[in-house]
Amino acid sequence: MFKIKILPNGPYVVQGLKKVIEETSKRKNGVLAAVETNEFQEDSEYRLCRCGASSNKPFCDGTHTKIKFNGTETADRSNYLDRASLQKGPAMSLLDDERCAFARYCHRERAEVWTLTSRSEDPENKREAIEGASACPAGRLTAVADNKLIENTYEPSISVVQDPEKKVSAGLYVRGDFELQAADGTTYEKRNRVALCRCGASRNKPFCDATHVSIGFNDKM
């Protein structure tokens, strides 16, 4: 298990994971998916930019201090099952906590996951709904079938994401067995996938809320 520590008004400190991946969202058969396009080999501890202003993105260069970055964490810390609403379908159900990073992996070939869930008596719709929910990098969506949550098993990873369709850089997609520690020292609920803000402008810190799109965040600039 690796660990991400959030420093007060500062970066993410990553411990125990030496590789950071760059992923680019690309379409195949009309469906967006993540394709690995680069990787960064690091030491056993390193710092990733959270304010969006580093000149060495995705890594921290101390700029957060110069710009007086306000990194106050505002996200609801109640458990996922307490936050999420349940959409019931004929053959499966869908949990949704509305914590959206606008990855759009839930938009499948036949329809969006919500529509597919409502039509899940069709085995192909059910399969696509489960696939789309499981692909959600923010952990917003989780398929439920036979009274069980369907979750993928991931290799531990942190992905720096590019979204060329929207001409922006997206958040940090974190997957696998990890611990996320808040700036006050408490630990967030353990999930197998979250999307963290790295543009500095999310209103739901530390999580991505897709503000990178409206502000045109680009880590190449």
C-alpha atoms as a PDB file:
ATOM      1  CA  MET A   1       0.000   0.000   0.000  1.00  0.00           C
ATOM      2  CA  PHE A   2       1.258   3.478  -0.856  1.00  0.00           C
ATOM      3  CA  LYS A   3       0.336   6.726   0.852  1.00  0.00           C
ATOM      4  CA  ILE A   4      -0.565  10.236  -0.248  1.00  0.00           C
ATOM      5  CA  LYS A   5      -0.218  12.966   2.371  1.00  0.00           C
ATOM      6  CA  ILE A   6      -1.782  16.359   1.714  1.00  0.00           C
ATOM      7  CA  LEU A   7       0.289  19.231   3.067  1.00  0.00           C
ATOM      8  CA  PRO A   8      -1.589  22.318   4.352  1.00  0.00           C
ATOM      9  CA  ASN A   9      -1.894  24.701   1.368  1.00  0.00           C
ATOM     10  CA  GLY A  10       0.812  22.636  -0.285  1.00  0.00           C
ATOM     11  CA  PRO A  11       1.432  19.596  -2.476  1.00  0.00           C
ATOM     12  CA  TYR A  12       0.603  15.914  -2.342  1.00  0.00           C
ATOM     13  CA  VAL A  13       3.458  13.951  -0.776  1.00  0.00           C
ATOM     14  CA  VAL A  14       3.573  10.455  -2.248  1.00  0.00           C
ATOM     15  CA  GLN A  15       5.283   7.675  -0.344  1.00  0.00           C
ATOM     16  CA  GLY A  16       5.898   4.100  -1.456  1.00  0.00           C
ATOM     17  CA  LEU A  17       5.095   4.398  -5.181  1.00  0.00           C
ATOM     18  CA  LYS A  18       8.044   5.108  -7.441  1.00  0.00           C
ATOM     19  CA  LYS A  19       6.304   5.437 -10.806  1.00  0.00           C
ATOM     20  CA  VAL A  20       3.914   8.135 -11.986  1.00  0.00           C
ATOM     21  CA  ILE A  21       2.130   7.512 -15.283  1.00  0.00           C
ATOM     22  CA  GLU A  22       0.829   9.973 -17.853  1.00  0.00           C
ATOM     23  CA  GLU A  23      -2.493   8.907 -19.389  1.00  0.00           C
ATOM     24  CA  THR A  24      -4.188  10.458 -22.389  1.00  0.00           C
ATOM     25  CA  SER A  25      -7.914  10.042 -23.030  1.00  0.00           C
ATOM     26  CA  LYS A  26      -8.490   8.649 -26.510  1.00  0.00           C
ATOM     27  CA  ARG A  27     -11.495   7.242 -28.334  1.00  0.00           C
ATOM     28  CA  LYS A  28     -11.895   3.673 -29.566  1.00  0.00           C
ATOM     29  CA  ASN A  29     -15.173   2.744 -31.258  1.00  0.00           C
ATOM     30  CA  GLY A  30     -16.581   6.028 -30.023  1.00  0.00           C
ATOM     31  CA  VAL A  31     -15.772   5.363 -26.348  1.00  0.00           C
ATOM     32  CA  LEU A  32     -13.157   7.297 -24.372  1.00  0.00           C
ATOM     33  CA  ALA A  33     -10.508   5.287 -22.564  1.00  0.00           C
ATOM     34  CA  ALA A  34      -7.151   5.976 -20.931  1.00  0.00           C
ATOM     35  CA  VAL A  35      -3.995   5.203 -22.878  1.00  0.00           C
ATOM     36  CA  GLU A  36      -0.596   5.330 -21.168  1.00  0.00           C
ATOM     37  CA  THR A  37       1.589   7.865 -22.974  1.00  0.00           C
ATOM     38  CA  ASN A  38       4.503   8.491 -20.599  1.00  0.00           C
ATOM     39  CA  GLU A  39       5.937   7.607 -17.225  1.00  0.00           C
ATOM     40  CA  PHE A  40       8.099   9.298 -14.619  1.00  0.00           C
ATOM     41  CA  GLN A  41      10.390   7.261 -12.387  1.00  0.00           C
ATOM     42  CA  GLU A  42      10.781   8.851  -8.976  1.00  0.00           C
ATOM     43  CA  ASP A  43      12.258   8.165  -5.535  1.00  0.00           C
ATOM     44  CA  SER A  44      10.284   6.460  -2.778  1.00  0.00           C
ATOM     45  CA  GLU A  45       8.979   9.920  -1.749  1.00  0.00           C
ATOM     46  CA  TYR A  46       8.137  12.886  -3.981  1.00  0.00           C
ATOM     47  CA  ARG A  47       5.749  15.831  -4.183  1.00  0.00           C
ATOM     48  CA  LEU A  48       3.059  16.407  -6.804  1.00  0.00           C
ATOM     49  CA  CYS A  49       1.744  19.908  -7.519  1.00  0.00           C
ATOM     50  CA  ARG A  50      -1.691  20.716  -6.099  1.00  0.00           C
ATOM     51  CA  CYS A  51      -1.891  24.462  -6.789  1.00  0.00           C
ATOM     52  CA  GLY A  52      -1.626  24.173 -10.583  1.00  0.00           C
ATOM     53  CA  ALA A  53       1.098  26.811 -10.852  1.00  0.00           C
ATOM     54  CA  SER A  54       4.348  24.825 -10.655  1.00  0.00           C
ATOM     55  CA  SER A  55       6.762  25.357 -13.532  1.00  0.00           C
ATOM     56  CA  ASN A  56       7.774  21.703 -13.161  1.00  0.00           C
ATOM     57  CA  LYS A  57       4.354  20.017 -13.442  1.00  0.00           C
ATOM     58  CA  PRO A  58       3.307  17.476 -12.388  1.00  0.00           C
ATOM     59  CA  PHE A  59       5.826  17.990  -9.587  1.00  0.00           C
ATOM     60  CA  CYS A  60       5.865  20.695  -6.925  1.00  0.00           C
ATOM     61  CA  ASP A  61       8.460  23.478  -7.184  1.00  0.00           C
ATOM     62  CA  GLY A  62       7.310  25.536  -4.199  1.00  0.00           C
ATOM     63  CA  THR A  63       5.196  28.002  -6.179  1.00  0.00           C
ATOM     64  CA  HIS A  64       2.230  27.364  -3.862  1.00  0.00           C
ATOM     65  CA  THR A  65       4.035  29.462  -1.239  1.00  0.00           C
ATOM     66  CA  LYS A  66       4.664  32.375  -3.611  1.00  0.00           C
ATOM     67  CA  ILE A  67       1.060  32.549  -4.799  1.00  0.00           C
ATOM     68  CA  LYS A  68      -0.363  31.936  -1.305  1.00  0.00           C
ATOM     69  CA  PHE A  69      -2.356  28.942  -2.512  1.00  0.00           C
ATOM     70  CA  ASN A  70      -5.456  28.165  -0.455  1.00  0.00           C
ATOM     71  CA  GLY A  71      -5.678  24.384  -0.433  1.00  0.00           C
ATOM     72  CA  THR A  72      -8.354  24.077   2.243  1.00  0.00           C
ATOM     73  CA  GLU A  73     -10.098  20.734   1.889  1.00  0.00           C
ATOM     74  CA  THR A  74     -13.840  21.192   1.479  1.00  0.00           C
ATOM     75  CA  ALA A  75     -15.028  17.727   0.393  1.00  0.00           C
ATOM     76  CA  ASP A  76     -17.702  15.858   2.315  1.00  0.00           C
ATOM     77  CA  ARG A  77     -15.901  13.229   4.396  1.00  0.00           C
ATOM     78  CA  SER A  78     -18.896  11.001   5.036  1.00  0.00           C
ATOM     79  CA  ASN A  79     -18.661   7.470   3.651  1.00  0.00           C
ATOM     80  CA  TYR A  80     -19.408   6.746   0.016  1.00  0.00           C
ATOM     81  CA  LEU A  81     -22.436   4.574   0.783  1.00  0.00           C
ATOM     82  CA  ASP A  82     -23.910   7.369   2.893  1.00  0.00           C
ATOM     83  CA  ARG A  83     -23.374   9.976   0.144  1.00  0.00           C
ATOM     84  CA  ALA A  84     -24.398   7.956  -2.873  1.00  0.00           C
ATOM     85  CA  SER A  85     -27.909   7.669  -4.291  1.00  0.00           C
ATOM     86  CA  LEU A  86     -29.128   4.344  -5.684  1.00  0.00           C
ATOM     87  CA  GLN A  87     -30.652   4.002  -9.131  1.00  0.00           C
ATOM     88  CA  LYS A  88     -32.443   0.682  -9.391  1.00  0.00           C
ATOM     89  CA  GLY A  89     -32.571  -1.152 -12.706  1.00  0.00           C
ATOM     90  CA  PRO A  90     -34.199  -4.397 -13.792  1.00  0.00           C
ATOM     91  CA  ALA A  91     -31.011  -6.512 -13.649  1.00  0.00           C
ATOM     92  CA  MET A  92     -28.552  -4.289 -11.763  1.00  0.00           C
ATOM     93  CA  SER A  93     -28.418  -1.035  -9.824  1.00  0.00           C
ATOM     94  CA  LEU A  94     -26.078   1.945  -9.829  1.00  0.00           C
ATOM     95  CA  LEU A  95     -24.585   3.926  -6.951  1.00  0.00           C
ATOM     96  CA  ASP A  96     -23.773   7.567  -7.734  1.00  0.00           C
ATOM     97  CA  ASP A  97     -22.291  10.123  -5.324  1.00  0.00           C
ATOM     98  CA  GLU A  98     -22.049  12.819  -8.057  1.00  0.00           C
ATOM     99  CA  ARG A  99     -18.338  13.382  -7.411  1.00  0.00           C
ATOM    100  CA  CYS A 100     -17.555  13.931 -11.084  1.00  0.00           C
ATOM    101  CA  ALA A 101     -14.149  14.554 -12.684  1.00  0.00           C
ATOM    102  CA  PHE A 102     -15.630  14.741 -16.212  1.00  0.00           C
ATOM    103  CA  ALA A 103     -13.569  11.832 -17.516  1.00  0.00           C
ATOM    104  CA  ARG A 104     -16.599  10.766 -19.617  1.00  0.00           C
ATOM    105  CA  TYR A 105     -15.635   7.085 -19.485  1.00  0.00           C
ATOM    106  CA  CYS A 106     -19.255   6.472 -18.419  1.00  0.00           C
ATOM    107  CA  HIS A 107     -20.409   7.428 -21.933  1.00  0.00           C
ATOM    108  CA  ARG A 108     -20.511   4.051 -23.622  1.00  0.00           C
ATOM    109  CA  GLU A 109     -21.128   2.903 -27.192  1.00  0.00           C
ATOM    110  CA  ARG A 110     -24.871   2.249 -26.677  1.00  0.00           C
ATOM    111  CA  ALA A 111     -25.688   4.981 -24.148  1.00  0.00           C
ATOM    112  CA  GLU A 112     -24.575   6.543 -20.880  1.00  0.00           C
ATOM    113  CA  VAL A 113     -24.326   4.308 -17.822  1.00  0.00           C
ATOM    114  CA  TRP A 114     -27.545   5.643 -16.237  1.00  0.00           C
ATOM    115  CA  THR A 115     -29.606   4.809 -19.326  1.00  0.00           C
ATOM    116  CA  LEU A 116     -27.961   1.406 -19.656  1.00  0.00           C
ATOM    117  CA  THR A 117     -28.798   0.653 -16.018  1.00  0.00           C
ATOM    118  CA  SER A 118     -32.472   1.437 -16.623  1.00  0.00           C
ATOM    119  CA  ARG A 119     -32.400  -0.984 -19.572  1.00  0.00           C
ATOM    120  CA  SER A 120     -30.250  -3.647 -17.960  1.00  0.00           C
ATOM    121  CA  GLU A 121     -32.689  -6.462 -18.669  1.00  0.00           C
ATOM    122  CA  ASP A 122     -30.712  -6.646 -21.919  1.00  0.00           C
ATOM    123  CA  PRO A 123     -27.495  -8.542 -21.022  1.00  0.00           C
ATOM    124  CA  GLU A 124     -25.392  -6.374 -23.339  1.00  0.00           C
ATOM    125  CA  ASN A 125     -26.696  -3.183 -21.729  1.00  0.00           C
ATOM    126  CA  LYS A 126     -25.939  -4.629 -18.299  1.00  0.00           C
ATOM    127  CA  ARG A 127     -22.409  -5.552 -19.367  1.00  0.00           C
ATOM    128  CA  GLU A 128     -21.775  -2.059 -20.742  1.00  0.00           C
ATOM    129  CA  ALA A 129     -23.254  -0.392 -17.658  1.00  0.00           C
ATOM    130  CA  ILE A 130     -20.998  -2.376 -15.343  1.00  0.00           C
ATOM    131  CA  GLU A 131     -17.998  -1.683 -17.564  1.00  0.00           C
ATOM    132  CA  GLY A 132     -18.732   2.044 -17.667  1.00  0.00           C
ATOM    133  CA  ALA A 133     -19.355   2.362 -13.929  1.00  0.00           C
ATOM    134  CA  SER A 134     -16.149   0.490 -13.153  1.00  0.00           C
ATOM    135  CA  ALA A 135     -14.185   2.732 -15.513  1.00  0.00           C
ATOM    136  CA  CYS A 136     -15.157   5.906 -13.619  1.00  0.00           C
ATOM    137  CA  PRO A 137     -11.773   7.119 -12.262  1.00  0.00           C
ATOM    138  CA  ALA A 138     -13.336   9.343  -9.601  1.00  0.00           C
ATOM    139  CA  GLY A 139     -15.112   6.419  -7.954  1.00  0.00           C
ATOM    140  CA  ARG A 140     -18.402   8.279  -8.488  1.00  0.00           C
ATOM    141  CA  LEU A 141     -20.173   5.281 -10.012  1.00  0.00           C
ATOM    142  CA  THR A 142     -20.361   1.718  -8.727  1.00  0.00           C
ATOM    143  CA  ALA A 143     -22.439  -1.057 -10.236  1.00  0.00           C
ATOM    144  CA  VAL A 144     -24.414  -3.293  -7.894  1.00  0.00           C
ATOM    145  CA  ALA A 145     -25.598  -6.775  -8.866  1.00  0.00           C
ATOM    146  CA  ASP A 146     -26.835  -9.653  -6.701  1.00  0.00           C
ATOM    147  CA  ASN A 147     -26.523  -7.301  -3.687  1.00  0.00           C
ATOM    148  CA  LYS A 148     -22.778  -6.932  -4.264  1.00  0.00           C
ATOM    149  CA  LEU A 149     -20.719  -3.908  -5.266  1.00  0.00           C
ATOM    150  CA  ILE A 150     -18.746  -4.624  -8.416  1.00  0.00           C
ATOM    151  CA  GLU A 151     -15.252  -3.162  -8.142  1.00  0.00           C
ATOM    152  CA  ASN A 152     -12.183  -3.688 -10.298  1.00  0.00           C
ATOM    153  CA  THR A 153      -8.835  -4.677  -8.824  1.00  0.00           C
ATOM    154  CA  TYR A 154      -6.112  -2.222  -9.817  1.00  0.00           C
ATOM    155  CA  GLU A 155      -2.362  -2.222  -9.745  1.00  0.00           C
ATOM    156  CA  PRO A 156      -1.268   0.709  -7.542  1.00  0.00           C
ATOM    157  CA  SER A 157      -0.850   3.774  -9.743  1.00  0.00           C
ATOM    158  CA  ILE A 158      -1.054   7.549 -10.016  1.00  0.00           C
ATOM    159  CA  SER A 159      -1.902   8.907 -13.456  1.00  0.00           C
ATOM    160  CA  VAL A 160      -1.353  12.460 -14.660  1.00  0.00           C
ATOM    161  CA  VAL A 161      -4.187  12.849 -17.159  1.00  0.00           C
ATOM    162  CA  GLN A 162      -4.418  14.691 -20.477  1.00  0.00           C
ATOM    163  CA  ASP A 163      -7.779  15.375 -22.152  1.00  0.00           C
ATOM    164  CA  PRO A 164      -7.039  16.484 -25.727  1.00  0.00           C
ATOM    165  CA  GLU A 165     -10.727  16.550 -26.724  1.00  0.00           C
ATOM    166  CA  LYS A 166     -11.287  19.407 -24.280  1.00  0.00           C
ATOM    167  CA  LYS A 167      -7.765  20.771 -24.848  1.00  0.00           C
ATOM    168  CA  VAL A 168      -7.007  20.592 -21.121  1.00  0.00           C
ATOM    169  CA  SER A 169      -5.037  18.632 -18.569  1.00  0.00           C
ATOM    170  CA  ALA A 170      -7.229  16.757 -16.109  1.00  0.00           C
ATOM    171  CA  GLY A 171      -6.660  15.605 -12.530  1.00  0.00           C
ATOM    172  CA  LEU A 172      -4.614  12.888 -10.887  1.00  0.00           C
ATOM    173  CA  TYR A 173      -6.284   9.501 -11.175  1.00  0.00           C
ATOM    174  CA  VAL A 174      -5.250   7.350  -8.224  1.00  0.00           C
ATOM    175  CA  ARG A 175      -5.974   3.624  -8.282  1.00  0.00           C
ATOM    176  CA  GLY A 176      -5.211   0.523  -6.236  1.00  0.00           C
ATOM    177  CA  ASP A 177      -4.413  -0.001  -2.578  1.00  0.00           C
ATOM    178  CA  PHE A 178      -3.536   3.405  -1.116  1.00  0.00           C
ATOM    179  CA  GLU A 179      -4.150   5.686   1.841  1.00  0.00           C
ATOM    180  CA  LEU A 180      -5.122   9.341   1.444  1.00  0.00           C
ATOM    181  CA  GLN A 181      -4.249  11.474   4.459  1.00  0.00           C
ATOM    182  CA  ALA A 182      -5.796  14.914   4.898  1.00  0.00           C
ATOM    183  CA  ALA A 183      -3.801  17.990   5.883  1.00  0.00           C
ATOM    184  CA  ASP A 184      -5.187  17.709   9.430  1.00  0.00           C
ATOM    185  CA  GLY A 185      -3.759  14.191   9.755  1.00  0.00           C
ATOM    186  CA  THR A 186      -7.031  12.286   9.458  1.00  0.00           C
ATOM    187  CA  THR A 187      -7.489   9.615   6.808  1.00  0.00           C
ATOM    188  CA  TYR A 188     -10.123   9.674   4.095  1.00  0.00           C
ATOM    189  CA  GLU A 189     -12.357   6.669   3.542  1.00  0.00           C
ATOM    190  CA  LYS A 190     -10.444   3.955   1.725  1.00  0.00           C
ATOM    191  CA  ARG A 191     -11.468   3.641  -1.930  1.00  0.00           C
ATOM    192  CA  ASN A 192      -9.868   1.797  -4.822  1.00  0.00           C
ATOM    193  CA  ARG A 193     -10.003   4.868  -7.112  1.00  0.00           C
ATOM    194  CA  VAL A 194     -10.242   8.632  -6.717  1.00  0.00           C
ATOM    195  CA  ALA A 195      -9.553  11.672  -8.875  1.00  0.00           C
ATOM    196  CA  LEU A 196      -7.533  14.401  -7.150  1.00  0.00           C
ATOM    197  CA  CYS A 197      -7.440  18.059  -8.171  1.00  0.00           C
ATOM    198  CA  ARG A 198      -4.167  19.404  -9.568  1.00  0.00           C
ATOM    199  CA  CYS A 199      -5.352  22.646 -11.182  1.00  0.00           C
ATOM    200  CA  GLY A 200      -5.826  24.239  -7.751  1.00  0.00           C
ATOM    201  CA  ALA A 201      -9.346  25.471  -8.504  1.00  0.00           C
ATOM    202  CA  SER A 202     -11.670  22.638  -7.458  1.00  0.00           C
ATOM    203  CA  ARG A 203     -14.470  23.622  -5.105  1.00  0.00           C
ATOM    204  CA  ASN A 204     -14.386  20.103  -3.688  1.00  0.00           C
ATOM    205  CA  LYS A 205     -10.731  19.809  -2.655  1.00  0.00           C
ATOM    206  CA  PRO A 206      -8.835  17.555  -2.582  1.00  0.00           C
ATOM    207  CA  PHE A 207     -11.008  15.893  -5.222  1.00  0.00           C
ATOM    208  CA  CYS A 208     -11.333  16.931  -8.851  1.00  0.00           C
ATOM    209  CA  ASP A 209     -14.672  18.552  -9.759  1.00  0.00           C
ATOM    210  CA  ALA A 210     -13.873  19.212 -13.447  1.00  0.00           C
ATOM    211  CA  THR A 211     -13.068  22.916 -12.925  1.00  0.00           C
ATOM    212  CA  HIS A 212      -9.900  22.287 -14.967  1.00  0.00           C
ATOM    213  CA  VAL A 213     -12.168  22.339 -18.040  1.00  0.00           C
ATOM    214  CA  SER A 214     -13.826  25.702 -17.352  1.00  0.00           C
ATOM    215  CA  ILE A 215     -10.496  27.397 -16.529  1.00  0.00           C
ATOM    216  CA  GLY A 216      -8.628  25.766 -19.437  1.00  0.00           C
ATOM    217  CA  PHE A 217      -5.917  24.232 -17.242  1.00  0.00           C
ATOM    218  CA  ASN A 218      -2.988  22.936 -19.277  1.00  0.00           C
ATOM    219  CA  ASP A 219       0.105  21.529 -17.599  1.00  0.00           C
ATOM    220  CA  LYS A 220       2.186  22.074 -20.741  1.00  0.00           C
ATOM    221  CA  MET A 221       1.933  25.833 -20.290  1.00  0.00           C
END
